[in-house]
Amino acid sequence: QVQLVESGGGSVQAGGSLRLSCAAAGRAFSIYNMGWFRQAPGKEREFVGAIASSGDRTYYADSVKGRFTISRDNAKDTVNLQMNSLKPEDTAVYYCAARFGPSLTSLFYSYWGQGTQVTVSS
C-alpha cells in the first residue's frame, strides 16, 4: 500500500511553467514505476507520462513531449512533473499514480493521488 499526495497546482498564463510534486508514504517508493495523468472537464483521464522505479527511463505522451519532464527522488519519496510552455489545453486535474512492474506504457496503476488542479489561461 502506498499513499500519494500531489501539490504545486495553480493558475498560470499560456507559455508559463509549473512544477507539480507527488509525495509518497507507505511501502518502499523505489519499487514503483510512477505515472502522471490528467483529466479535463468532460473528458476522459489522459496519460501524461511515466518514470521507471530507478528513474533511468521515462515515457511521455506525444501531447506533452518536449514540454514536460518527469523526475523522481527516491531518497525523498517524491516524483515531480515539470511543465513548461503550458497551453490552455493543458488545463486539467493532474494525478500521480504508482504501479509495480517494468512497463512504462501500461495504463493500469494500483495507487492514485487525489489530484491537483492546473489552469492555463490564454
PDB file of N, CA and C in Angstrom:
ATOM      1  N   GLN A   1       0.849  -1.186   0.000  1.00  0.00           N
ATOM      2  CA  GLN A   1       0.000   0.000   0.000  1.00  0.00           C
ATOM      3  C   GLN A   1       0.891   1.246   0.000  1.00  0.00           C
ATOM      4  N   VAL A   2       0.525   2.219  -0.820  1.00  0.00           N
ATOM      5  CA  VAL A   2       1.242   3.486  -0.841  1.00  0.00           C
ATOM      6  C   VAL A   2       0.228   4.611  -0.979  1.00  0.00           C
ATOM      7  N   GLN A   3       0.444   5.669  -0.223  1.00  0.00           N
ATOM      8  CA  GLN A   3      -0.415   6.843  -0.285  1.00  0.00           C
ATOM      9  C   GLN A   3       0.316   7.948  -1.047  1.00  0.00           C
ATOM     10  N   LEU A   4      -0.426   8.628  -1.913  1.00  0.00           N
ATOM     11  CA  LEU A   4       0.156   9.646  -2.779  1.00  0.00           C
ATOM     12  C   LEU A   4      -0.567  10.973  -2.590  1.00  0.00           C
ATOM     13  N   VAL A   5       0.204  12.050  -2.500  1.00  0.00           N
ATOM     14  CA  VAL A   5      -0.380  13.383  -2.335  1.00  0.00           C
ATOM     15  C   VAL A   5       0.308  14.336  -3.296  1.00  0.00           C
ATOM     16  N   GLU A   6      -0.484  14.918  -4.207  1.00  0.00           N
ATOM     17  CA  GLU A   6       0.056  15.873  -5.169  1.00  0.00           C
ATOM     18  C   GLU A   6       0.013  17.284  -4.603  1.00  0.00           C
ATOM     19  N   SER A   7       0.895  18.113  -5.103  1.00  0.00           N
ATOM     20  CA  SER A   7       0.913  19.531  -4.740  1.00  0.00           C
ATOM     21  C   SER A   7       1.519  20.323  -5.888  1.00  0.00           C
ATOM     22  N   GLY A   8       1.365  21.640  -5.832  1.00  0.00           N
ATOM     23  CA  GLY A   8       2.002  22.507  -6.817  1.00  0.00           C
ATOM     24  C   GLY A   8       1.099  23.022  -7.908  1.00  0.00           C
ATOM     25  N   GLY A   9      -0.152  22.600  -7.907  1.00  0.00           N
ATOM     26  CA  GLY A   9      -1.061  23.087  -8.918  1.00  0.00           C
ATOM     27  C   GLY A   9      -1.366  24.570  -8.740  1.00  0.00           C
ATOM     28  N   GLY A  10      -1.982  25.150  -9.749  1.00  0.00           N
ATOM     29  CA  GLY A  10      -2.331  26.551  -9.670  1.00  0.00           C
ATOM     30  C   GLY A  10      -2.723  27.088 -11.025  1.00  0.00           C
ATOM     31  N   SER A  11      -2.731  28.403 -11.126  1.00  0.00           N
ATOM     32  CA  SER A  11      -3.110  29.077 -12.366  1.00  0.00           C
ATOM     33  C   SER A  11      -1.905  29.765 -12.963  1.00  0.00           C
ATOM     34  N   VAL A  12      -1.786  29.686 -14.276  1.00  0.00           N
ATOM     35  CA  VAL A  12      -0.652  30.279 -14.977  1.00  0.00           C
ATOM     36  C   VAL A  12      -1.118  30.707 -16.360  1.00  0.00           C
ATOM     37  N   GLN A  13      -0.428  31.680 -16.912  1.00  0.00           N
ATOM     38  CA  GLN A  13      -0.746  32.100 -18.270  1.00  0.00           C
ATOM     39  C   GLN A  13      -0.059  31.185 -19.277  1.00  0.00           C
ATOM     40  N   ALA A  14      -0.628  31.146 -20.450  1.00  0.00           N
ATOM     41  CA  ALA A  14      -0.046  30.343 -21.525  1.00  0.00           C
ATOM     42  C   ALA A  14       1.409  30.737 -21.746  1.00  0.00           C
ATOM     43  N   GLY A  15       2.233  29.719 -21.942  1.00  0.00           N
ATOM     44  CA  GLY A  15       3.660  29.931 -22.094  1.00  0.00           C
ATOM     45  C   GLY A  15       4.432  29.838 -20.800  1.00  0.00           C
ATOM     46  N   GLY A  16       3.730  29.818 -19.701  1.00  0.00           N
ATOM     47  CA  GLY A  16       4.370  29.747 -18.395  1.00  0.00           C
ATOM     48  C   GLY A  16       4.716  28.333 -17.987  1.00  0.00           C
ATOM     49  N   SER A  17       5.182  28.209 -16.747  1.00  0.00           N
ATOM     50  CA  SER A  17       5.636  26.919 -16.226  1.00  0.00           C
ATOM     51  C   SER A  17       5.033  26.658 -14.856  1.00  0.00           C
ATOM     52  N   LEU A  18       4.894  25.398 -14.540  1.00  0.00           N
ATOM     53  CA  LEU A  18       4.501  24.945 -13.208  1.00  0.00           C
ATOM     54  C   LEU A  18       5.254  23.660 -12.912  1.00  0.00           C
ATOM     55  N   ARG A  19       5.477  23.426 -11.640  1.00  0.00           N
ATOM     56  CA  ARG A  19       6.123  22.190 -11.207  1.00  0.00           C
ATOM     57  C   ARG A  19       5.219  21.513 -10.198  1.00  0.00           C
ATOM     58  N   LEU A  20       4.766  20.331 -10.537  1.00  0.00           N
ATOM     59  CA  LEU A  20       3.946  19.528  -9.636  1.00  0.00           C
ATOM     60  C   LEU A  20       4.833  18.533  -8.899  1.00  0.00           C
ATOM     61  N   SER A  21       4.468  18.274  -7.674  1.00  0.00           N
ATOM     62  CA  SER A  21       5.160  17.265  -6.884  1.00  0.00           C
ATOM     63  C   SER A  21       4.158  16.251  -6.371  1.00  0.00           C
ATOM     64  N   CYS A  22       4.651  15.065  -6.139  1.00  0.00           N
ATOM     65  CA  CYS A  22       3.837  13.988  -5.576  1.00  0.00           C
ATOM     66  C   CYS A  22       4.663  13.325  -4.491  1.00  0.00           C
ATOM     67  N   ALA A  23       4.159  13.381  -3.281  1.00  0.00           N
ATOM     68  CA  ALA A  23       4.836  12.777  -2.143  1.00  0.00           C
ATOM     69  C   ALA A  23       4.197  11.441  -1.825  1.00  0.00           C
ATOM     70  N   ALA A  24       5.030  10.442  -1.585  1.00  0.00           N
ATOM     71  CA  ALA A  24       4.543   9.096  -1.310  1.00  0.00           C
ATOM     72  C   ALA A  24       4.818   8.704   0.127  1.00  0.00           C
ATOM     73  N   ALA A  25       3.901   7.921   0.676  1.00  0.00           N
ATOM     74  CA  ALA A  25       4.080   7.380   2.020  1.00  0.00           C
ATOM     75  C   ALA A  25       3.595   5.942   2.008  1.00  0.00           C
ATOM     76  N   GLY A  26       4.228   5.103   2.811  1.00  0.00           N
ATOM     77  CA  GLY A  26       3.819   3.715   2.887  1.00  0.00           C
ATOM     78  C   GLY A  26       4.935   2.797   2.456  1.00  0.00           C
ATOM     79  N   ARG A  27       4.617   1.836   1.592  1.00  0.00           N
ATOM     80  CA  ARG A  27       5.608   0.867   1.159  1.00  0.00           C
ATOM     81  C   ARG A  27       6.730   1.522   0.368  1.00  0.00           C
ATOM     82  N   ALA A  28       7.824   0.825   0.221  1.00  0.00           N
ATOM     83  CA  ALA A  28       9.031   1.328  -0.421  1.00  0.00           C
ATOM     84  C   ALA A  28       8.715   1.985  -1.759  1.00  0.00           C
ATOM     85  N   PHE A  29       8.894   3.298  -1.822  1.00  0.00           N
ATOM     86  CA  PHE A  29       8.575   4.082  -3.009  1.00  0.00           C
ATOM     87  C   PHE A  29       9.408   3.629  -4.201  1.00  0.00           C
ATOM     88  N   SER A  30      10.639   3.265  -3.962  1.00  0.00           N
ATOM     89  CA  SER A  30      11.580   2.999  -5.044  1.00  0.00           C
ATOM     90  C   SER A  30      11.258   1.747  -5.842  1.00  0.00           C
ATOM     91  N   ILE A  31      10.281   0.952  -5.434  1.00  0.00           N
ATOM     92  CA  ILE A  31       9.959  -0.245  -6.200  1.00  0.00           C
ATOM     93  C   ILE A  31       8.892   0.029  -7.258  1.00  0.00           C
ATOM     94  N   TYR A  32       8.304   1.226  -7.215  1.00  0.00           N
ATOM     95  CA  TYR A  32       7.178   1.524  -8.100  1.00  0.00           C
ATOM     96  C   TYR A  32       7.583   2.396  -9.286  1.00  0.00           C
ATOM     97  N   ASN A  33       7.044   2.032 -10.441  1.00  0.00           N
ATOM     98  CA  ASN A  33       7.009   2.999 -11.533  1.00  0.00           C
ATOM     99  C   ASN A  33       5.962   4.047 -11.172  1.00  0.00           C
ATOM    100  N   MET A  34       6.237   5.297 -11.544  1.00  0.00           N
ATOM    101  CA  MET A  34       5.321   6.384 -11.230  1.00  0.00           C
ATOM    102  C   MET A  34       4.809   7.027 -12.507  1.00  0.00           C
ATOM    103  N   GLY A  35       3.531   7.305 -12.532  1.00  0.00           N
ATOM    104  CA  GLY A  35       2.932   7.926 -13.697  1.00  0.00           C
ATOM    105  C   GLY A  35       2.202   9.206 -13.343  1.00  0.00           C
ATOM    106  N   TRP A  36       2.032  10.032 -14.348  1.00  0.00           N
ATOM    107  CA  TRP A  36       1.202  11.233 -14.229  1.00  0.00           C
ATOM    108  C   TRP A  36       0.079  11.136 -15.255  1.00  0.00           C
ATOM    109  N   PHE A  37      -1.111  11.478 -14.818  1.00  0.00           N
ATOM    110  CA  PHE A  37      -2.289  11.501 -15.660  1.00  0.00           C
ATOM    111  C   PHE A  37      -2.982  12.843 -15.470  1.00  0.00           C
ATOM    112  N   ARG A  38      -3.901  13.159 -16.364  1.00  0.00           N
ATOM    113  CA  ARG A  38      -4.684  14.375 -16.207  1.00  0.00           C
ATOM    114  C   ARG A  38      -6.087  14.147 -16.742  1.00  0.00           C
ATOM    115  N   GLN A  39      -7.017  14.922 -16.195  1.00  0.00           N
ATOM    116  CA  GLN A  39      -8.403  14.832 -16.645  1.00  0.00           C
ATOM    117  C   GLN A  39      -8.988  16.225 -16.728  1.00  0.00           C
ATOM    118  N   ALA A  40      -9.370  16.587 -17.930  1.00  0.00           N
ATOM    119  CA  ALA A  40     -10.015  17.878 -18.168  1.00  0.00           C
ATOM    120  C   ALA A  40     -11.521  17.715 -18.023  1.00  0.00           C
ATOM    121  N   PRO A  41     -12.234  18.796 -17.743  1.00  0.00           N
ATOM    122  CA  PRO A  41     -13.690  18.707 -17.586  1.00  0.00           C
ATOM    123  C   PRO A  41     -14.354  18.108 -18.815  1.00  0.00           C
ATOM    124  N   GLY A  42     -15.187  17.107 -18.585  1.00  0.00           N
ATOM    125  CA  GLY A  42     -15.925  16.491 -19.672  1.00  0.00           C
ATOM    126  C   GLY A  42     -15.115  15.541 -20.528  1.00  0.00           C
ATOM    127  N   LYS A  43     -13.866  15.285 -20.132  1.00  0.00           N
ATOM    128  CA  LYS A  43     -13.014  14.387 -20.916  1.00  0.00           C
ATOM    129  C   LYS A  43     -12.555  13.212 -20.066  1.00  0.00           C
ATOM    130  N   GLU A  44     -12.114  12.173 -20.752  1.00  0.00           N
ATOM    131  CA  GLU A  44     -11.592  11.012 -20.049  1.00  0.00           C
ATOM    132  C   GLU A  44     -10.186  11.308 -19.515  1.00  0.00           C
ATOM    133  N   ARG A  45      -9.807  10.552 -18.527  1.00  0.00           N
ATOM    134  CA  ARG A  45      -8.462  10.700 -17.973  1.00  0.00           C
ATOM    135  C   ARG A  45      -7.438  10.335 -19.038  1.00  0.00           C
ATOM    136  N   GLU A  46      -6.374  11.122 -19.099  1.00  0.00           N
ATOM    137  CA  GLU A  46      -5.366  11.002 -20.154  1.00  0.00           C
ATOM    138  C   GLU A  46      -4.002  10.744 -19.534  1.00  0.00           C
ATOM    139  N   PHE A  47      -3.266   9.813 -20.112  1.00  0.00           N
ATOM    140  CA  PHE A  47      -1.905   9.536 -19.682  1.00  0.00           C
ATOM    141  C   PHE A  47      -0.997  10.689 -20.093  1.00  0.00           C
ATOM    142  N   VAL A  48      -0.145  11.150 -19.170  1.00  0.00           N
ATOM    143  CA  VAL A  48       0.800  12.222 -19.449  1.00  0.00           C
ATOM    144  C   VAL A  48       2.211  11.666 -19.617  1.00  0.00           C
ATOM    145  N   GLY A  49       2.650  10.862 -18.681  1.00  0.00           N
ATOM    146  CA  GLY A  49       3.991  10.300 -18.759  1.00  0.00           C
ATOM    147  C   GLY A  49       4.276   9.415 -17.572  1.00  0.00           C
ATOM    148  N   ALA A  50       5.415   8.730 -17.624  1.00  0.00           N
ATOM    149  CA  ALA A  50       5.786   7.816 -16.552  1.00  0.00           C
ATOM    150  C   ALA A  50       7.301   7.776 -16.416  1.00  0.00           C
ATOM    151  N   ILE A  51       7.722   7.353 -15.244  1.00  0.00           N
ATOM    152  CA  ILE A  51       9.148   7.205 -14.960  1.00  0.00           C
ATOM    153  C   ILE A  51       9.367   5.868 -14.272  1.00  0.00           C
ATOM    154  N   ALA A  52      10.450   5.212 -14.640  1.00  0.00           N
ATOM    155  CA  ALA A  52      10.763   3.912 -14.067  1.00  0.00           C
ATOM    156  C   ALA A  52      11.130   4.034 -12.589  1.00  0.00           C
ATOM    157  N   SER A  53      11.047   2.916 -11.893  1.00  0.00           N
ATOM    158  CA  SER A  53      11.302   2.925 -10.459  1.00  0.00           C
ATOM    159  C   SER A  53      12.685   3.466 -10.104  1.00  0.00           C
ATOM    160  N   SER A  54      13.663   3.172 -10.956  1.00  0.00           N
ATOM    161  CA  SER A  54      15.025   3.648 -10.694  1.00  0.00           C
ATOM    162  C   SER A  54      15.267   5.051 -11.223  1.00  0.00           C
ATOM    163  N   GLY A  55      14.348   5.551 -12.012  1.00  0.00           N
ATOM    164  CA  GLY A  55      14.495   6.875 -12.597  1.00  0.00           C
ATOM    165  C   GLY A  55      15.297   6.911 -13.884  1.00  0.00           C
ATOM    166  N   ASP A  56      15.678   5.756 -14.414  1.00  0.00           N
ATOM    167  CA  ASP A  56      16.563   5.735 -15.582  1.00  0.00           C
ATOM    168  C   ASP A  56      15.821   5.764 -16.910  1.00  0.00           C
ATOM    169  N   ARG A  57      14.509   5.633 -16.863  1.00  0.00           N
ATOM    170  CA  ARG A  57      13.709   5.673 -18.098  1.00  0.00           C
ATOM    171  C   ARG A  57      12.473   6.510 -17.884  1.00  0.00           C
ATOM    172  N   THR A  58      12.087   7.226 -18.922  1.00  0.00           N
ATOM    173  CA  THR A  58      10.849   7.988 -18.918  1.00  0.00           C
ATOM    174  C   THR A  58      10.114   7.753 -20.231  1.00  0.00           C
ATOM    175  N   TYR A  59       8.837   8.035 -20.198  1.00  0.00           N
ATOM    176  CA  TYR A  59       7.996   7.868 -21.391  1.00  0.00           C
ATOM    177  C   TYR A  59       6.913   8.927 -21.321  1.00  0.00           C
ATOM    178  N   TYR A  60       6.659   9.607 -22.445  1.00  0.00           N
ATOM    179  CA  TYR A  60       5.722  10.718 -22.447  1.00  0.00           C
ATOM    180  C   TYR A  60       4.681  10.568 -23.552  1.00  0.00           C
ATOM    181  N   ALA A  61       3.515  11.105 -23.295  1.00  0.00           N
ATOM    182  CA  ALA A  61       2.509  11.229 -24.333  1.00  0.00           C
ATOM    183  C   ALA A  61       2.989  12.249 -25.365  1.00  0.00           C
ATOM    184  N   ASP A  62       2.591  12.050 -26.600  1.00  0.00           N
ATOM    185  CA  ASP A  62       3.014  12.961 -27.665  1.00  0.00           C
ATOM    186  C   ASP A  62       2.598  14.405 -27.387  1.00  0.00           C
ATOM    187  N   SER A  63       1.472  14.561 -26.720  1.00  0.00           N
ATOM    188  CA  SER A  63       0.927  15.896 -26.484  1.00  0.00           C
ATOM    189  C   SER A  63       1.795  16.737 -25.553  1.00  0.00           C
ATOM    190  N   VAL A  64       2.666  16.097 -24.778  1.00  0.00           N
ATOM    191  CA  VAL A  64       3.489  16.841 -23.817  1.00  0.00           C
ATOM    192  C   VAL A  64       4.983  16.664 -24.060  1.00  0.00           C
ATOM    193  N   LYS A  65       5.340  15.801 -24.979  1.00  0.00           N
ATOM    194  CA  LYS A  65       6.751  15.506 -25.227  1.00  0.00           C
ATOM    195  C   LYS A  65       7.501  16.780 -25.606  1.00  0.00           C
ATOM    196  N   GLY A  66       8.643  16.978 -24.963  1.00  0.00           N
ATOM    197  CA  GLY A  66       9.436  18.170 -25.214  1.00  0.00           C
ATOM    198  C   GLY A  66       9.060  19.363 -24.352  1.00  0.00           C
ATOM    199  N   ARG A  67       7.919  19.297 -23.685  1.00  0.00           N
ATOM    200  CA  ARG A  67       7.471  20.386 -22.810  1.00  0.00           C
ATOM    201  C   ARG A  67       7.455  19.977 -21.335  1.00  0.00           C
ATOM    202  N   PHE A  68       7.134  18.719 -21.082  1.00  0.00           N
ATOM    203  CA  PHE A  68       7.019  18.213 -19.718  1.00  0.00           C
ATOM    204  C   PHE A  68       8.182  17.268 -19.417  1.00  0.00           C
ATOM    205  N   THR A  69       8.634  17.294 -18.167  1.00  0.00           N
ATOM    206  CA  THR A  69       9.709  16.411 -17.726  1.00  0.00           C
ATOM    207  C   THR A  69       9.357  15.810 -16.383  1.00  0.00           C
ATOM    208  N   ILE A  70       9.479  14.494 -16.292  1.00  0.00           N
ATOM    209  CA  ILE A  70       9.228  13.789 -15.034  1.00  0.00           C
ATOM    210  C   ILE A  70      10.569  13.422 -14.410  1.00  0.00           C
ATOM    211  N   SER A  71      10.675  13.639 -13.122  1.00  0.00           N
ATOM    212  CA  SER A  71      11.863  13.236 -12.381  1.00  0.00           C
ATOM    213  C   SER A  71      11.422  12.664 -11.037  1.00  0.00           C
ATOM    214  N   ARG A  72      12.311  11.996 -10.370  1.00  0.00           N
ATOM    215  CA  ARG A  72      11.992  11.440  -9.059  1.00  0.00           C
ATOM    216  C   ARG A  72      13.209  11.481  -8.164  1.00  0.00           C
ATOM    217  N   ASP A  73      12.938  11.512  -6.872  1.00  0.00           N
ATOM    218  CA  ASP A  73      13.979  11.451  -5.856  1.00  0.00           C
ATOM    219  C   ASP A  73      13.587  10.338  -4.900  1.00  0.00           C
ATOM    220  N   ASN A  74      14.193   9.179  -5.063  1.00  0.00           N
ATOM    221  CA  ASN A  74      13.813   8.034  -4.239  1.00  0.00           C
ATOM    222  C   ASN A  74      14.242   8.202  -2.779  1.00  0.00           C
ATOM    223  N   ALA A  75      15.209   9.049  -2.537  1.00  0.00           N
ATOM    224  CA  ALA A  75      15.622   9.304  -1.155  1.00  0.00           C
ATOM    225  C   ALA A  75      14.565  10.127  -0.413  1.00  0.00           C
ATOM    226  N   LYS A  76      13.790  10.913  -1.168  1.00  0.00           N
ATOM    227  CA  LYS A  76      12.754  11.757  -0.565  1.00  0.00           C
ATOM    228  C   LYS A  76      11.348  11.257  -0.856  1.00  0.00           C
ATOM    229  N   ASP A  77      11.242  10.135  -1.553  1.00  0.00           N
ATOM    230  CA  ASP A  77       9.939   9.548  -1.879  1.00  0.00           C
ATOM    231  C   ASP A  77       9.050  10.543  -2.613  1.00  0.00           C
ATOM    232  N   THR A  78       9.619  11.210  -3.588  1.00  0.00           N
ATOM    233  CA  THR A  78       8.852  12.183  -4.350  1.00  0.00           C
ATOM    234  C   THR A  78       9.071  11.985  -5.851  1.00  0.00           C
ATOM    235  N   VAL A  79       8.067  12.367  -6.610  1.00  0.00           N
ATOM    236  CA  VAL A  79       8.162  12.419  -8.058  1.00  0.00           C
ATOM    237  C   VAL A  79       7.632  13.779  -8.494  1.00  0.00           C
ATOM    238  N   ASN A  80       8.263  14.350  -9.504  1.00  0.00           N
ATOM    239  CA  ASN A  80       7.924  15.690  -9.941  1.00  0.00           C
ATOM    240  C   ASN A  80       7.525  15.708 -11.411  1.00  0.00           C
ATOM    241  N   LEU A  81       6.709  16.666 -11.743  1.00  0.00           N
ATOM    242  CA  LEU A  81       6.326  16.905 -13.129  1.00  0.00           C
ATOM    243  C   LEU A  81       6.593  18.385 -13.426  1.00  0.00           C
ATOM    244  N   GLN A  82       7.652  18.636 -14.183  1.00  0.00           N
ATOM    245  CA  GLN A  82       7.978  19.988 -14.601  1.00  0.00           C
ATOM    246  C   GLN A  82       7.269  20.270 -15.915  1.00  0.00           C
ATOM    247  N   MET A  83       6.425  21.292 -15.915  1.00  0.00           N
ATOM    248  CA  MET A  83       5.616  21.605 -17.094  1.00  0.00           C
ATOM    249  C   MET A  83       6.019  22.984 -17.614  1.00  0.00           C
ATOM    250  N   ASN A  84       6.537  23.007 -18.813  1.00  0.00           N
ATOM    251  CA  ASN A  84       6.954  24.250 -19.455  1.00  0.00           C
ATOM    252  C   ASN A  84       6.107  24.513 -20.694  1.00  0.00           C
ATOM    253  N   SER A  85       6.163  25.743 -21.174  1.00  0.00           N
ATOM    254  CA  SER A  85       5.425  26.130 -22.387  1.00  0.00           C
ATOM    255  C   SER A  85       3.972  25.683 -22.309  1.00  0.00           C
ATOM    256  N   LEU A  86       3.346  25.963 -21.196  1.00  0.00           N
ATOM    257  CA  LEU A  86       1.981  25.496 -20.971  1.00  0.00           C
ATOM    258  C   LEU A  86       1.001  26.128 -21.939  1.00  0.00           C
ATOM    259  N   LYS A  87      -0.004  25.346 -22.282  1.00  0.00           N
ATOM    260  CA  LYS A  87      -1.046  25.756 -23.213  1.00  0.00           C
ATOM    261  C   LYS A  87      -2.396  25.676 -22.512  1.00  0.00           C
ATOM    262  N   PRO A  88      -3.382  26.423 -22.978  1.00  0.00           N
ATOM    263  CA  PRO A  88      -4.711  26.313 -22.364  1.00  0.00           C
ATOM    264  C   PRO A  88      -5.246  24.889 -22.371  1.00  0.00           C
ATOM    265  N   GLU A  89      -4.908  24.109 -23.370  1.00  0.00           N
ATOM    266  CA  GLU A  89      -5.382  22.719 -23.429  1.00  0.00           C
ATOM    267  C   GLU A  89      -4.714  21.811 -22.404  1.00  0.00           C
ATOM    268  N   ASP A  90      -3.725  22.316 -21.683  1.00  0.00           N
ATOM    269  CA  ASP A  90      -3.135  21.554 -20.577  1.00  0.00           C
ATOM    270  C   ASP A  90      -3.955  21.691 -19.291  1.00  0.00           C
ATOM    271  N   THR A  91      -4.966  22.530 -19.312  1.00  0.00           N
ATOM    272  CA  THR A  91      -5.820  22.712 -18.142  1.00  0.00           C
ATOM    273  C   THR A  91      -6.512  21.399 -17.780  1.00  0.00           C
ATOM    274  N   ALA A  92      -6.336  20.973 -16.541  1.00  0.00           N
ATOM    275  CA  ALA A  92      -6.893  19.687 -16.099  1.00  0.00           C
ATOM    276  C   ALA A  92      -6.562  19.498 -14.626  1.00  0.00           C
ATOM    277  N   VAL A  93      -7.164  18.476 -14.052  1.00  0.00           N
ATOM    278  CA  VAL A  93      -6.719  17.971 -12.757  1.00  0.00           C
ATOM    279  C   VAL A  93      -5.633  16.940 -13.044  1.00  0.00           C
ATOM    280  N   TYR A  94      -4.501  17.108 -12.385  1.00  0.00           N
ATOM    281  CA  TYR A  94      -3.355  16.225 -12.604  1.00  0.00           C
ATOM    282  C   TYR A  94      -3.227  15.247 -11.431  1.00  0.00           C
ATOM    283  N   TYR A  95      -3.027  13.980 -11.768  1.00  0.00           N
ATOM    284  CA  TYR A  95      -2.917  12.922 -10.786  1.00  0.00           C
ATOM    285  C   TYR A  95      -1.579  12.203 -10.925  1.00  0.00           C
ATOM    286  N   CYS A  96      -0.979  11.862  -9.797  1.00  0.00           N
ATOM    287  CA  CYS A  96       0.133  10.924  -9.853  1.00  0.00           C
ATOM    288  C   CYS A  96      -0.377   9.544  -9.452  1.00  0.00           C
ATOM    289  N   ALA A  97       0.323   8.533  -9.921  1.00  0.00           N
ATOM    290  CA  ALA A  97      -0.098   7.160  -9.691  1.00  0.00           C
ATOM    291  C   ALA A  97       1.124   6.261  -9.617  1.00  0.00           C
ATOM    292  N   ALA A  98       0.957   5.126  -8.958  1.00  0.00           N
ATOM    293  CA  ALA A  98       2.052   4.180  -8.775  1.00  0.00           C
ATOM    294  C   ALA A  98       1.633   2.791  -9.231  1.00  0.00           C
ATOM    295  N   ARG A  99       2.580   2.102  -9.859  1.00  0.00           N
ATOM    296  CA  ARG A  99       2.337   0.717 -10.237  1.00  0.00           C
ATOM    297  C   ARG A  99       3.627  -0.074 -10.095  1.00  0.00           C
ATOM    298  N   PHE A 100       3.477  -1.369  -9.862  1.00  0.00           N
ATOM    299  CA  PHE A 100       4.629  -2.257  -9.767  1.00  0.00           C
ATOM    300  C   PHE A 100       4.734  -3.036 -11.056  1.00  0.00           C
ATOM    301  N   GLY A 101       5.924  -3.044 -11.657  1.00  0.00           N
ATOM    302  CA  GLY A 101       6.124  -3.744 -12.913  1.00  0.00           C
ATOM    303  C   GLY A 101       6.993  -2.939 -13.839  1.00  0.00           C
ATOM    304  N   PRO A 102       7.576  -3.557 -14.845  1.00  0.00           N
ATOM    305  CA  PRO A 102       8.582  -2.911 -15.685  1.00  0.00           C
ATOM    306  C   PRO A 102       8.024  -1.960 -16.738  1.00  0.00           C
ATOM    307  N   SER A 103       6.767  -2.117 -17.123  1.00  0.00           N
ATOM    308  CA  SER A 103       6.251  -1.357 -18.251  1.00  0.00           C
ATOM    309  C   SER A 103       6.017   0.109 -17.913  1.00  0.00           C
ATOM    310  N   LEU A 104       6.451   0.983 -18.826  1.00  0.00           N
ATOM    311  CA  LEU A 104       6.162   2.412 -18.692  1.00  0.00           C
ATOM    312  C   LEU A 104       4.953   2.812 -19.524  1.00  0.00           C
ATOM    313  N   THR A 105       4.509   1.924 -20.386  1.00  0.00           N
ATOM    314  CA  THR A 105       3.389   2.250 -21.262  1.00  0.00           C
ATOM    315  C   THR A 105       2.053   1.729 -20.746  1.00  0.00           C
ATOM    316  N   SER A 106       2.082   0.898 -19.712  1.00  0.00           N
ATOM    317  CA  SER A 106       0.838   0.398 -19.148  1.00  0.00           C
ATOM    318  C   SER A 106       0.020   1.537 -18.574  1.00  0.00           C
ATOM    319  N   LEU A 107      -1.290   1.437 -18.706  1.00  0.00           N
ATOM    320  CA  LEU A 107      -2.205   2.432 -18.151  1.00  0.00           C
ATOM    321  C   LEU A 107      -2.854   1.925 -16.870  1.00  0.00           C
ATOM    322  N   PHE A 108      -2.437   0.776 -16.398  1.00  0.00           N
ATOM    323  CA  PHE A 108      -3.030   0.187 -15.211  1.00  0.00           C
ATOM    324  C   PHE A 108      -2.156   0.469 -13.998  1.00  0.00           C
ATOM    325  N   TYR A 109      -2.656   1.346 -13.151  1.00  0.00           N
ATOM    326  CA  TYR A 109      -1.951   1.750 -11.955  1.00  0.00           C
ATOM    327  C   TYR A 109      -2.750   1.357 -10.723  1.00  0.00           C
ATOM    328  N   SER A 110      -2.026   0.995  -9.671  1.00  0.00           N
ATOM    329  CA  SER A 110      -2.683   0.475  -8.478  1.00  0.00           C
ATOM    330  C   SER A 110      -3.061   1.560  -7.484  1.00  0.00           C
ATOM    331  N   TYR A 111      -2.245   2.590  -7.401  1.00  0.00           N
ATOM    332  CA  TYR A 111      -2.442   3.606  -6.374  1.00  0.00           C
ATOM    333  C   TYR A 111      -2.494   4.989  -7.028  1.00  0.00           C
ATOM    334  N   TRP A 112      -3.388   5.828  -6.485  1.00  0.00           N
ATOM    335  CA  TRP A 112      -3.635   7.138  -7.076  1.00  0.00           C
ATOM    336  C   TRP A 112      -3.665   8.215  -6.003  1.00  0.00           C
ATOM    337  N   GLY A 113      -3.204   9.404  -6.374  1.00  0.00           N
ATOM    338  CA  GLY A 113      -3.380  10.552  -5.516  1.00  0.00           C
ATOM    339  C   GLY A 113      -4.747  11.181  -5.730  1.00  0.00           C
ATOM    340  N   GLN A 114      -4.998  12.264  -5.015  1.00  0.00           N
ATOM    341  CA  GLN A 114      -6.306  12.901  -5.071  1.00  0.00           C
ATOM    342  C   GLN A 114      -6.397  13.950  -6.171  1.00  0.00           C
ATOM    343  N   GLY A 115      -5.265  14.321  -6.741  1.00  0.00           N
ATOM    344  CA  GLY A 115      -5.254  15.261  -7.846  1.00  0.00           C
ATOM    345  C   GLY A 115      -4.995  16.686  -7.423  1.00  0.00           C
ATOM    346  N   THR A 116      -4.466  17.467  -8.365  1.00  0.00           N
ATOM    347  CA  THR A 116      -4.236  18.891  -8.143  1.00  0.00           C
ATOM    348  C   THR A 116      -4.593  19.633  -9.430  1.00  0.00           C
ATOM    349  N   GLN A 117      -5.275  20.761  -9.278  1.00  0.00           N
ATOM    350  CA  GLN A 117      -5.794  21.492 -10.425  1.00  0.00           C
ATOM    351  C   GLN A 117      -4.712  22.360 -11.060  1.00  0.00           C
ATOM    352  N   VAL A 118      -4.641  22.286 -12.381  1.00  0.00           N
ATOM    353  CA  VAL A 118      -3.785  23.179 -13.158  1.00  0.00           C
ATOM    354  C   VAL A 118      -4.675  23.916 -14.156  1.00  0.00           C
ATOM    355  N   THR A 119      -4.600  25.232 -14.144  1.00  0.00           N
ATOM    356  CA  THR A 119      -5.396  26.046 -15.050  1.00  0.00           C
ATOM    357  C   THR A 119      -4.464  26.959 -15.838  1.00  0.00           C
ATOM    358  N   VAL A 120      -4.556  26.868 -17.154  1.00  0.00           N
ATOM    359  CA  VAL A 120      -3.716  27.681 -18.030  1.00  0.00           C
ATOM    360  C   VAL A 120      -4.624  28.627 -18.810  1.00  0.00           C
ATOM    361  N   SER A 121      -4.409  29.910 -18.647  1.00  0.00           N
ATOM    362  CA  SER A 121      -5.247  30.896 -19.321  1.00  0.00           C
ATOM    363  C   SER A 121      -4.523  31.455 -20.548  1.00  0.00           C
ATOM    364  N   SER A 122      -5.322  31.814 -21.529  1.00  0.00           N
ATOM    365  CA  SER A 122      -4.744  32.324 -22.781  1.00  0.00           C
ATOM    366  C   SER A 122      -4.532  33.823 -22.730  1.00  0.00           C
TER     367      SER A 122
END
